[in-house]
Amino acid sequence: MSINFSVELSDDEPFERALRRFSSKTKRTGLMRDIKRKRFYTKPSVQKKLDLQKSIRRRKKAERIAHLAEQGLDRRGRKRR
Protein backbone atom coordinates (compact mmCIF):
# COMPACT_ATOMS: atom_id res chain seq x y z
CA MET A 1 0.00 0.00 0.00
CA SER A 2 1.60 3.20 -1.17
CA ILE A 3 -0.11 6.42 -0.17
CA ASN A 4 1.66 9.75 -0.49
CA PHE A 5 0.42 12.80 1.39
CA SER A 6 1.33 16.38 0.87
CA VAL A 7 0.02 19.43 2.64
CA GLU A 8 0.77 22.82 1.13
CA LEU A 9 1.57 25.49 3.69
CA SER A 10 0.45 28.97 2.70
CA ASP A 11 2.38 32.06 3.78
CA ASP A 12 0.04 33.20 6.55
CA GLU A 13 -0.98 29.74 7.78
CA PRO A 14 0.43 28.46 11.08
CA PHE A 15 2.28 25.18 11.10
CA GLU A 16 -0.12 23.65 13.65
CA ARG A 17 -3.06 24.02 11.28
CA ALA A 18 -1.17 22.31 8.47
CA LEU A 19 -0.15 19.54 10.86
CA ARG A 20 -3.80 19.11 11.87
CA ARG A 21 -4.80 18.86 8.19
CA PHE A 22 -2.10 16.25 7.63
CA SER A 23 -3.19 14.17 10.61
CA SER A 24 -6.84 14.32 9.54
CA LYS A 25 -5.86 13.09 6.06
CA THR A 26 -4.02 10.13 7.54
CA LYS A 27 -6.96 9.32 9.83
CA ARG A 28 -9.44 9.40 6.94
CA THR A 29 -7.43 6.91 4.94
CA GLY A 30 -6.82 4.63 7.93
CA LEU A 31 -3.08 4.63 7.39
CA MET A 32 -2.09 4.78 11.05
CA ARG A 33 -4.65 2.14 12.01
CA ASP A 34 -3.22 -0.15 9.33
CA ILE A 35 0.37 0.44 10.47
CA LYS A 36 -0.54 -0.34 14.08
CA ARG A 37 -2.42 -3.47 13.02
CA LYS A 38 0.50 -4.76 10.96
CA ARG A 39 3.10 -3.97 13.62
CA PHE A 40 2.91 -7.49 15.04
CA TYR A 41 2.04 -10.75 13.38
CA THR A 42 -1.28 -12.31 14.38
CA LYS A 43 -1.93 -15.93 13.64
CA PRO A 44 -4.83 -16.58 11.28
CA SER A 45 -6.76 -18.43 14.00
CA VAL A 46 -6.39 -15.47 16.38
CA GLN A 47 -7.37 -13.03 13.62
CA LYS A 48 -10.48 -15.09 12.88
CA LYS A 49 -11.42 -14.99 16.56
CA LEU A 50 -10.93 -11.21 16.71
CA ASP A 51 -13.00 -10.71 13.56
CA LEU A 52 -15.80 -12.81 15.04
CA GLN A 53 -15.76 -10.73 18.23
CA LYS A 54 -15.89 -7.53 16.19
CA SER A 55 -18.83 -8.76 14.14
CA ILE A 56 -20.73 -9.74 17.29
CA ARG A 57 -20.06 -6.29 18.75
CA ARG A 58 -21.27 -4.58 15.55
CA ARG A 59 -24.42 -6.72 15.42
CA LYS A 60 -25.28 -5.99 19.07
CA LYS A 61 -24.77 -2.27 18.49
CA ALA A 62 -27.02 -2.32 15.42
CA GLU A 63 -29.71 -4.18 17.38
CA ARG A 64 -29.44 -1.69 20.25
CA ILE A 65 -29.75 1.29 17.90
CA ALA A 66 -32.71 -0.31 16.08
CA HIS A 67 -34.44 -0.91 19.42
CA LEU A 68 -33.92 2.72 20.43
CA ALA A 69 -35.23 3.89 17.03
CA GLU A 70 -38.42 1.90 17.58
CA GLN A 71 -38.90 3.81 20.83
CA GLY A 72 -38.38 7.13 19.05
CA LEU A 73 -34.96 7.77 20.56
CA ASP A 74 -31.65 8.54 18.92
CA ARG A 75 -28.64 6.28 19.40
CA ARG A 76 -27.68 8.02 22.65
CA GLY A 77 -31.11 7.43 24.18
CA ARG A 78 -32.42 10.98 23.77
CA LYS A 79 -35.72 11.91 22.17
CA ARG A 80 -35.59 12.61 18.47
CA ARG A 81 -36.55 16.09 17.34
PDB file of N, CA and C in Angstrom:
ATOM      1  N   MET A   1       0.845  -1.168   0.000  1.00  0.00           N
ATOM      2  CA  MET A   1       0.000   0.000   0.000  1.00  0.00           C
ATOM      3  C   MET A   1       0.893   1.234   0.000  1.00  0.00           C
ATOM      4  N   SER A   2       0.757   2.020  -1.032  1.00  0.00           N
ATOM      5  CA  SER A   2       1.597   3.200  -1.175  1.00  0.00           C
ATOM      6  C   SER A   2       0.709   4.434  -1.270  1.00  0.00           C
ATOM      7  N   ILE A   3       0.686   5.198  -0.206  1.00  0.00           N
ATOM      8  CA  ILE A   3      -0.108   6.424  -0.174  1.00  0.00           C
ATOM      9  C   ILE A   3       0.833   7.572   0.140  1.00  0.00           C
ATOM     10  N   ASN A   4       0.825   8.575  -0.713  1.00  0.00           N
ATOM     11  CA  ASN A   4       1.655   9.752  -0.493  1.00  0.00           C
ATOM     12  C   ASN A   4       0.763  10.920  -0.100  1.00  0.00           C
ATOM     13  N   PHE A   5       1.163  11.633   0.940  1.00  0.00           N
ATOM     14  CA  PHE A   5       0.422  12.797   1.392  1.00  0.00           C
ATOM     15  C   PHE A   5       1.286  14.026   1.225  1.00  0.00           C
ATOM     16  N   SER A   6       0.633  15.106   0.882  1.00  0.00           N
ATOM     17  CA  SER A   6       1.331  16.378   0.870  1.00  0.00           C
ATOM     18  C   SER A   6       0.343  17.441   1.325  1.00  0.00           C
ATOM     19  N   VAL A   7       0.840  18.333   2.137  1.00  0.00           N
ATOM     20  CA  VAL A   7       0.024  19.430   2.642  1.00  0.00           C
ATOM     21  C   VAL A   7       0.769  20.711   2.315  1.00  0.00           C
ATOM     22  N   GLU A   8       0.158  21.548   1.512  1.00  0.00           N
ATOM     23  CA  GLU A   8       0.774  22.818   1.131  1.00  0.00           C
ATOM     24  C   GLU A   8       0.566  23.828   2.255  1.00  0.00           C
ATOM     25  N   LEU A   9       1.605  24.493   2.626  1.00  0.00           N
ATOM     26  CA  LEU A   9       1.568  25.486   3.689  1.00  0.00           C
ATOM     27  C   LEU A   9       1.572  26.876   3.056  1.00  0.00           C
ATOM     28  N   SER A  10       0.492  27.622   3.257  1.00  0.00           N
ATOM     29  CA  SER A  10       0.448  28.971   2.704  1.00  0.00           C
ATOM     30  C   SER A  10       1.264  29.921   3.582  1.00  0.00           C
ATOM     31  N   ASP A  11       1.488  31.124   3.095  1.00  0.00           N
ATOM     32  CA  ASP A  11       2.376  32.064   3.783  1.00  0.00           C
ATOM     33  C   ASP A  11       1.879  32.460   5.163  1.00  0.00           C
ATOM     34  N   ASP A  12       0.572  32.705   5.279  1.00  0.00           N
ATOM     35  CA  ASP A  12       0.045  33.196   6.553  1.00  0.00           C
ATOM     36  C   ASP A  12      -0.577  32.094   7.416  1.00  0.00           C
ATOM     37  N   GLU A  13      -0.381  30.844   7.036  1.00  0.00           N
ATOM     38  CA  GLU A  13      -0.979  29.736   7.783  1.00  0.00           C
ATOM     39  C   GLU A  13       0.000  29.208   8.832  1.00  0.00           C
ATOM     40  N   PRO A  14      -0.466  29.022  10.059  1.00  0.00           N
ATOM     41  CA  PRO A  14       0.434  28.464  11.080  1.00  0.00           C
ATOM     42  C   PRO A  14       0.719  26.985  10.822  1.00  0.00           C
ATOM     43  N   PHE A  15       1.858  26.557  11.300  1.00  0.00           N
ATOM     44  CA  PHE A  15       2.284  25.179  11.098  1.00  0.00           C
ATOM     45  C   PHE A  15       1.319  24.190  11.755  1.00  0.00           C
ATOM     46  N   GLU A  16       0.776  24.554  12.912  1.00  0.00           N
ATOM     47  CA  GLU A  16      -0.118  23.655  13.649  1.00  0.00           C
ATOM     48  C   GLU A  16      -1.360  23.315  12.838  1.00  0.00           C
ATOM     49  N   ARG A  17      -1.870  24.276  12.100  1.00  0.00           N
ATOM     50  CA  ARG A  17      -3.056  24.022  11.280  1.00  0.00           C
ATOM     51  C   ARG A  17      -2.745  23.053  10.140  1.00  0.00           C
ATOM     52  N   ALA A  18      -1.576  23.229   9.532  1.00  0.00           N
ATOM     53  CA  ALA A  18      -1.168  22.307   8.467  1.00  0.00           C
ATOM     54  C   ALA A  18      -0.935  20.909   9.032  1.00  0.00           C
ATOM     55  N   LEU A  19      -0.366  20.832  10.218  1.00  0.00           N
ATOM     56  CA  LEU A  19      -0.151  19.542  10.860  1.00  0.00           C
ATOM     57  C   LEU A  19      -1.486  18.866  11.166  1.00  0.00           C
ATOM     58  N   ARG A  20      -2.470  19.643  11.601  1.00  0.00           N
ATOM     59  CA  ARG A  20      -3.801  19.109  11.868  1.00  0.00           C
ATOM     60  C   ARG A  20      -4.444  18.587  10.585  1.00  0.00           C
ATOM     61  N   ARG A  21      -4.281  19.322   9.491  1.00  0.00           N
ATOM     62  CA  ARG A  21      -4.801  18.857   8.193  1.00  0.00           C
ATOM     63  C   ARG A  21      -4.149  17.548   7.774  1.00  0.00           C
ATOM     64  N   PHE A  22      -2.830  17.469   7.981  1.00  0.00           N
ATOM     65  CA  PHE A  22      -2.099  16.249   7.629  1.00  0.00           C
ATOM     66  C   PHE A  22      -2.592  15.069   8.461  1.00  0.00           C
ATOM     67  N   SER A  23      -2.752  15.272   9.757  1.00  0.00           N
ATOM     68  CA  SER A  23      -3.187  14.167  10.607  1.00  0.00           C
ATOM     69  C   SER A  23      -4.611  13.752  10.281  1.00  0.00           C
ATOM     70  N   SER A  24      -5.473  14.690   9.908  1.00  0.00           N
ATOM     71  CA  SER A  24      -6.841  14.317   9.541  1.00  0.00           C
ATOM     72  C   SER A  24      -6.851  13.533   8.230  1.00  0.00           C
ATOM     73  N   LYS A  25      -5.945  13.863   7.303  1.00  0.00           N
ATOM     74  CA  LYS A  25      -5.861  13.089   6.059  1.00  0.00           C
ATOM     75  C   LYS A  25      -5.443  11.651   6.341  1.00  0.00           C
ATOM     76  N   THR A  26      -4.467  11.480   7.225  1.00  0.00           N
ATOM     77  CA  THR A  26      -4.023  10.126   7.538  1.00  0.00           C
ATOM     78  C   THR A  26      -5.104   9.341   8.271  1.00  0.00           C
ATOM     79  N   LYS A  27      -5.879  10.009   9.122  1.00  0.00           N
ATOM     80  CA  LYS A  27      -6.963   9.317   9.830  1.00  0.00           C
ATOM     81  C   LYS A  27      -8.045   8.875   8.868  1.00  0.00           C
ATOM     82  N   ARG A  28      -8.384   9.744   7.900  1.00  0.00           N
ATOM     83  CA  ARG A  28      -9.439   9.397   6.943  1.00  0.00           C
ATOM     84  C   ARG A  28      -9.083   8.176   6.113  1.00  0.00           C
ATOM     85  N   THR A  29      -7.832   8.045   5.757  1.00  0.00           N
ATOM     86  CA  THR A  29      -7.435   6.907   4.939  1.00  0.00           C
ATOM     87  C   THR A  29      -7.193   5.649   5.764  1.00  0.00           C
ATOM     88  N   GLY A  30      -7.054   5.784   7.079  1.00  0.00           N
ATOM     89  CA  GLY A  30      -6.822   4.630   7.933  1.00  0.00           C
ATOM     90  C   GLY A  30      -5.387   4.151   7.898  1.00  0.00           C
ATOM     91  N   LEU A  31      -4.480   5.013   7.509  1.00  0.00           N
ATOM     92  CA  LEU A  31      -3.081   4.632   7.386  1.00  0.00           C
ATOM     93  C   LEU A  31      -2.479   4.244   8.731  1.00  0.00           C
ATOM     94  N   MET A  32      -2.675   5.062   9.746  1.00  0.00           N
ATOM     95  CA  MET A  32      -2.085   4.776  11.054  1.00  0.00           C
ATOM     96  C   MET A  32      -2.692   3.515  11.666  1.00  0.00           C
ATOM     97  N   ARG A  33      -3.992   3.336  11.490  1.00  0.00           N
ATOM     98  CA  ARG A  33      -4.646   2.138  12.007  1.00  0.00           C
ATOM     99  C   ARG A  33      -4.048   0.888  11.353  1.00  0.00           C
ATOM    100  N   ASP A  34      -3.796   0.978  10.056  1.00  0.00           N
ATOM    101  CA  ASP A  34      -3.221  -0.150   9.330  1.00  0.00           C
ATOM    102  C   ASP A  34      -1.790  -0.430   9.782  1.00  0.00           C
ATOM    103  N   ILE A  35      -1.010   0.619  10.006  1.00  0.00           N
ATOM    104  CA  ILE A  35       0.366   0.443  10.467  1.00  0.00           C
ATOM    105  C   ILE A  35       0.382  -0.206  11.839  1.00  0.00           C
ATOM    106  N   LYS A  36      -0.494   0.250  12.746  1.00  0.00           N
ATOM    107  CA  LYS A  36      -0.544  -0.337  14.079  1.00  0.00           C
ATOM    108  C   LYS A  36      -0.984  -1.791  14.020  1.00  0.00           C
ATOM    109  N   ARG A  37      -1.922  -2.099  13.138  1.00  0.00           N
ATOM    110  CA  ARG A  37      -2.423  -3.467  13.023  1.00  0.00           C
ATOM    111  C   ARG A  37      -1.341  -4.403  12.492  1.00  0.00           C
ATOM    112  N   LYS A  38      -0.524  -3.919  11.575  1.00  0.00           N
ATOM    113  CA  LYS A  38       0.502  -4.759  10.963  1.00  0.00           C
ATOM    114  C   LYS A  38       1.830  -4.735  11.725  1.00  0.00           C
ATOM    115  N   ARG A  39       1.856  -4.078  12.864  1.00  0.00           N
ATOM    116  CA  ARG A  39       3.096  -3.968  13.624  1.00  0.00           C
ATOM    117  C   ARG A  39       3.563  -5.329  14.133  1.00  0.00           C
ATOM    118  N   PHE A  40       2.605  -6.153  14.551  1.00  0.00           N
ATOM    119  CA  PHE A  40       2.907  -7.490  15.038  1.00  0.00           C
ATOM    120  C   PHE A  40       2.141  -8.510  14.221  1.00  0.00           C
ATOM    121  N   TYR A  41       2.694  -9.678  14.107  1.00  0.00           N
ATOM    122  CA  TYR A  41       2.035 -10.751  13.382  1.00  0.00           C
ATOM    123  C   TYR A  41       0.955 -11.363  14.255  1.00  0.00           C
ATOM    124  N   THR A  42      -0.220 -11.588  13.674  1.00  0.00           N
ATOM    125  CA  THR A  42      -1.276 -12.312  14.376  1.00  0.00           C
ATOM    126  C   THR A  42      -1.579 -13.574  13.585  1.00  0.00           C
ATOM    127  N   LYS A  43      -1.652 -14.665  14.294  1.00  0.00           N
ATOM    128  CA  LYS A  43      -1.929 -15.933  13.645  1.00  0.00           C
ATOM    129  C   LYS A  43      -3.321 -15.878  13.021  1.00  0.00           C
ATOM    130  N   PRO A  44      -3.524 -16.595  11.928  1.00  0.00           N
ATOM    131  CA  PRO A  44      -4.835 -16.579  11.281  1.00  0.00           C
ATOM    132  C   PRO A  44      -5.971 -17.017  12.205  1.00  0.00           C
ATOM    133  N   SER A  45      -5.714 -17.978  13.091  1.00  0.00           N
ATOM    134  CA  SER A  45      -6.763 -18.428  14.005  1.00  0.00           C
ATOM    135  C   SER A  45      -7.129 -17.327  14.995  1.00  0.00           C
ATOM    136  N   VAL A  46      -6.136 -16.576  15.449  1.00  0.00           N
ATOM    137  CA  VAL A  46      -6.388 -15.469  16.379  1.00  0.00           C
ATOM    138  C   VAL A  46      -7.114 -14.346  15.645  1.00  0.00           C
ATOM    139  N   GLN A  47      -6.719 -14.073  14.408  1.00  0.00           N
ATOM    140  CA  GLN A  47      -7.375 -13.028  13.625  1.00  0.00           C
ATOM    141  C   GLN A  47      -8.834 -13.375  13.373  1.00  0.00           C
ATOM    142  N   LYS A  48      -9.110 -14.649  13.100  1.00  0.00           N
ATOM    143  CA  LYS A  48     -10.481 -15.093  12.883  1.00  0.00           C
ATOM    144  C   LYS A  48     -11.318 -14.884  14.138  1.00  0.00           C
ATOM    145  N   LYS A  49     -10.730 -15.175  15.288  1.00  0.00           N
ATOM    146  CA  LYS A  49     -11.422 -14.990  16.561  1.00  0.00           C
ATOM    147  C   LYS A  49     -11.708 -13.508  16.815  1.00  0.00           C
ATOM    148  N   LEU A  50     -10.735 -12.647  16.540  1.00  0.00           N
ATOM    149  CA  LEU A  50     -10.927 -11.206  16.715  1.00  0.00           C
ATOM    150  C   LEU A  50     -12.001 -10.678  15.774  1.00  0.00           C
ATOM    151  N   ASP A  51     -11.991 -11.149  14.524  1.00  0.00           N
ATOM    152  CA  ASP A  51     -12.999 -10.714  13.560  1.00  0.00           C
ATOM    153  C   ASP A  51     -14.390 -11.135  13.994  1.00  0.00           C
ATOM    154  N   LEU A  52     -14.509 -12.337  14.554  1.00  0.00           N
ATOM    155  CA  LEU A  52     -15.799 -12.814  15.044  1.00  0.00           C
ATOM    156  C   LEU A  52     -16.289 -11.949  16.202  1.00  0.00           C
ATOM    157  N   GLN A  53     -15.390 -11.598  17.112  1.00  0.00           N
ATOM    158  CA  GLN A  53     -15.760 -10.734  18.228  1.00  0.00           C
ATOM    159  C   GLN A  53     -16.207  -9.352  17.742  1.00  0.00           C
ATOM    160  N   LYS A  54     -15.501  -8.827  16.737  1.00  0.00           N
ATOM    161  CA  LYS A  54     -15.886  -7.526  16.187  1.00  0.00           C
ATOM    162  C   LYS A  54     -17.256  -7.580  15.538  1.00  0.00           C
ATOM    163  N   SER A  55     -17.531  -8.658  14.811  1.00  0.00           N
ATOM    164  CA  SER A  55     -18.827  -8.764  14.139  1.00  0.00           C
ATOM    165  C   SER A  55     -19.955  -8.890  15.153  1.00  0.00           C
ATOM    166  N   ILE A  56     -19.715  -9.620  16.238  1.00  0.00           N
ATOM    167  CA  ILE A  56     -20.730  -9.737  17.288  1.00  0.00           C
ATOM    168  C   ILE A  56     -20.985  -8.380  17.915  1.00  0.00           C
ATOM    169  N   ARG A  57     -19.927  -7.625  18.172  1.00  0.00           N
ATOM    170  CA  ARG A  57     -20.065  -6.292  18.751  1.00  0.00           C
ATOM    171  C   ARG A  57     -20.854  -5.367  17.824  1.00  0.00           C
ATOM    172  N   ARG A  58     -20.548  -5.421  16.513  1.00  0.00           N
ATOM    173  CA  ARG A  58     -21.271  -4.583  15.551  1.00  0.00           C
ATOM    174  C   ARG A  58     -22.740  -4.948  15.494  1.00  0.00           C
ATOM    175  N   ARG A  59     -23.035  -6.264  15.494  1.00  0.00           N
ATOM    176  CA  ARG A  59     -24.419  -6.716  15.417  1.00  0.00           C
ATOM    177  C   ARG A  59     -25.208  -6.282  16.652  1.00  0.00           C
ATOM    178  N   LYS A  60     -24.605  -6.413  17.842  1.00  0.00           N
ATOM    179  CA  LYS A  60     -25.281  -5.987  19.070  1.00  0.00           C
ATOM    180  C   LYS A  60     -25.547  -4.488  19.064  1.00  0.00           C
ATOM    181  N   LYS A  61     -24.588  -3.720  18.560  1.00  0.00           N
ATOM    182  CA  LYS A  61     -24.765  -2.270  18.491  1.00  0.00           C
ATOM    183  C   LYS A  61     -25.895  -1.911  17.540  1.00  0.00           C
ATOM    184  N   ALA A  62     -25.949  -2.588  16.391  1.00  0.00           N
ATOM    185  CA  ALA A  62     -27.019  -2.325  15.422  1.00  0.00           C
ATOM    186  C   ALA A  62     -28.382  -2.683  16.014  1.00  0.00           C
ATOM    187  N   GLU A  63     -28.445  -3.796  16.737  1.00  0.00           N
ATOM    188  CA  GLU A  63     -29.705  -4.182  17.382  1.00  0.00           C
ATOM    189  C   GLU A  63     -30.115  -3.155  18.427  1.00  0.00           C
ATOM    190  N   ARG A  64     -29.155  -2.675  19.214  1.00  0.00           N
ATOM    191  CA  ARG A  64     -29.441  -1.686  20.254  1.00  0.00           C
ATOM    192  C   ARG A  64     -29.953  -0.387  19.639  1.00  0.00           C
ATOM    193  N   ILE A  65     -29.325   0.046  18.553  1.00  0.00           N
ATOM    194  CA  ILE A  65     -29.746   1.294  17.896  1.00  0.00           C
ATOM    195  C   ILE A  65     -31.132   1.124  17.269  1.00  0.00           C
ATOM    196  N   ALA A  66     -31.390  -0.048  16.671  1.00  0.00           N
ATOM    197  CA  ALA A  66     -32.711  -0.306  16.081  1.00  0.00           C
ATOM    198  C   ALA A  66     -33.789  -0.305  17.162  1.00  0.00           C
ATOM    199  N   HIS A  67     -33.477  -0.873  18.319  1.00  0.00           N
ATOM    200  CA  HIS A  67     -34.445  -0.913  19.420  1.00  0.00           C
ATOM    201  C   HIS A  67     -34.745   0.505  19.910  1.00  0.00           C
ATOM    202  N   LEU A  68     -33.714   1.338  20.007  1.00  0.00           N
ATOM    203  CA  LEU A  68     -33.924   2.721  20.428  1.00  0.00           C
ATOM    204  C   LEU A  68     -34.719   3.492  19.380  1.00  0.00           C
ATOM    205  N   ALA A  69     -34.492   3.203  18.102  1.00  0.00           N
ATOM    206  CA  ALA A  69     -35.225   3.888  17.034  1.00  0.00           C
ATOM    207  C   ALA A  69     -36.706   3.536  17.092  1.00  0.00           C
ATOM    208  N   GLU A  70     -37.016   2.286  17.441  1.00  0.00           N
ATOM    209  CA  GLU A  70     -38.421   1.899  17.580  1.00  0.00           C
ATOM    210  C   GLU A  70     -39.102   2.687  18.681  1.00  0.00           C
ATOM    211  N   GLN A  71     -38.357   3.046  19.705  1.00  0.00           N
ATOM    212  CA  GLN A  71     -38.903   3.811  20.825  1.00  0.00           C
ATOM    213  C   GLN A  71     -38.918   5.310  20.549  1.00  0.00           C
ATOM    214  N   GLY A  72     -38.406   5.714  19.396  1.00  0.00           N
ATOM    215  CA  GLY A  72     -38.377   7.134  19.050  1.00  0.00           C
ATOM    216  C   GLY A  72     -37.206   7.869  19.664  1.00  0.00           C
ATOM    217  N   LEU A  73     -36.141   7.158  19.965  1.00  0.00           N
ATOM    218  CA  LEU A  73     -34.963   7.770  20.563  1.00  0.00           C
ATOM    219  C   LEU A  73     -33.804   7.699  19.582  1.00  0.00           C
ATOM    220  N   ASP A  74     -32.840   8.624  19.749  1.00  0.00           N
ATOM    221  CA  ASP A  74     -31.650   8.539  18.916  1.00  0.00           C
ATOM    222  C   ASP A  74     -30.695   7.511  19.526  1.00  0.00           C
ATOM    223  N   ARG A  75     -29.525   7.360  18.954  1.00  0.00           N
ATOM    224  CA  ARG A  75     -28.643   6.284  19.400  1.00  0.00           C
ATOM    225  C   ARG A  75     -28.034   6.529  20.768  1.00  0.00           C
ATOM    226  N   ARG A  76     -28.171   7.729  21.293  1.00  0.00           N
ATOM    227  CA  ARG A  76     -27.684   8.019  22.649  1.00  0.00           C
ATOM    228  C   ARG A  76     -28.788   7.918  23.692  1.00  0.00           C
ATOM    229  N   GLY A  77     -30.009   7.590  23.239  1.00  0.00           N
ATOM    230  CA  GLY A  77     -31.115   7.429  24.176  1.00  0.00           C
ATOM    231  C   GLY A  77     -31.905   8.690  24.425  1.00  0.00           C
ATOM    232  N   ARG A  78     -31.665   9.732  23.619  1.00  0.00           N
ATOM    233  CA  ARG A  78     -32.416  10.983  23.773  1.00  0.00           C
ATOM    234  C   ARG A  78     -33.559  11.014  22.782  1.00  0.00           C
ATOM    235  N   LYS A  79     -34.572  11.799  23.080  1.00  0.00           N
ATOM    236  CA  LYS A  79     -35.717  11.907  22.172  1.00  0.00           C
ATOM    237  C   LYS A  79     -35.301  12.553  20.871  1.00  0.00           C
ATOM    238  N   ARG A  80     -35.860  12.019  19.785  1.00  0.00           N
ATOM    239  CA  ARG A  80     -35.589  12.615  18.474  1.00  0.00           C
ATOM    240  C   ARG A  80     -36.382  13.897  18.333  1.00  0.00           C
ATOM    241  N   ARG A  81     -35.864  14.800  17.531  1.00  0.00           N
ATOM    242  CA  ARG A  81     -36.553  16.090  17.341  1.00  0.00           C
ATOM    243  C   ARG A  81     -37.536  15.995  16.226  1.00  0.00           C
TER     244      ARG A  81
END
